[in-house]
Amino acid sequence: MRILGIDPGLRATGFGLIDTRGDAMRYVASGVIRSGEGHLPERIGRLHQGIVELVREYRPTVAVCEIVFVNVNPKSTLMLGQARGAALGALVTSGMKVHEYTALQIKQAVVGYGR
């Protein structure tokens, strides 16, 4: 199974791909999709397109997207939510089954602890 993990962000959305077979995991690729400068709709569009291209290139079996952490700054939380929405939209329209987890849950699953 090939798993695509997404860590959404407006300026930079991180991604990682691993292949799994039983308990074994193998690194495939990782990187950052940058939204660049400009108006919010264009930046969101670049994030969306970048994820669509990732799915097309690497053909993951399933996707995992981090659940947004509510920040003290409401504007930052809203912007992050919009980036996450772009990521989820790109994954779903690309035909991906998407699972959502908190950062703590992801860390515990991958390395056995999360704090």
Foldseek 3Di string as FASTA:
>chain_A
DKEWEWEFDLQKIKIFIWDDDVPDIGGDDIDIQGLDDDDSVSSLVSLLVVLLVVCVVPVGAAYEYEDQDDDPDNVRSVSRVSRSVSNVVSQVVSVHHYHYDHQQVVCCVPPNGRD
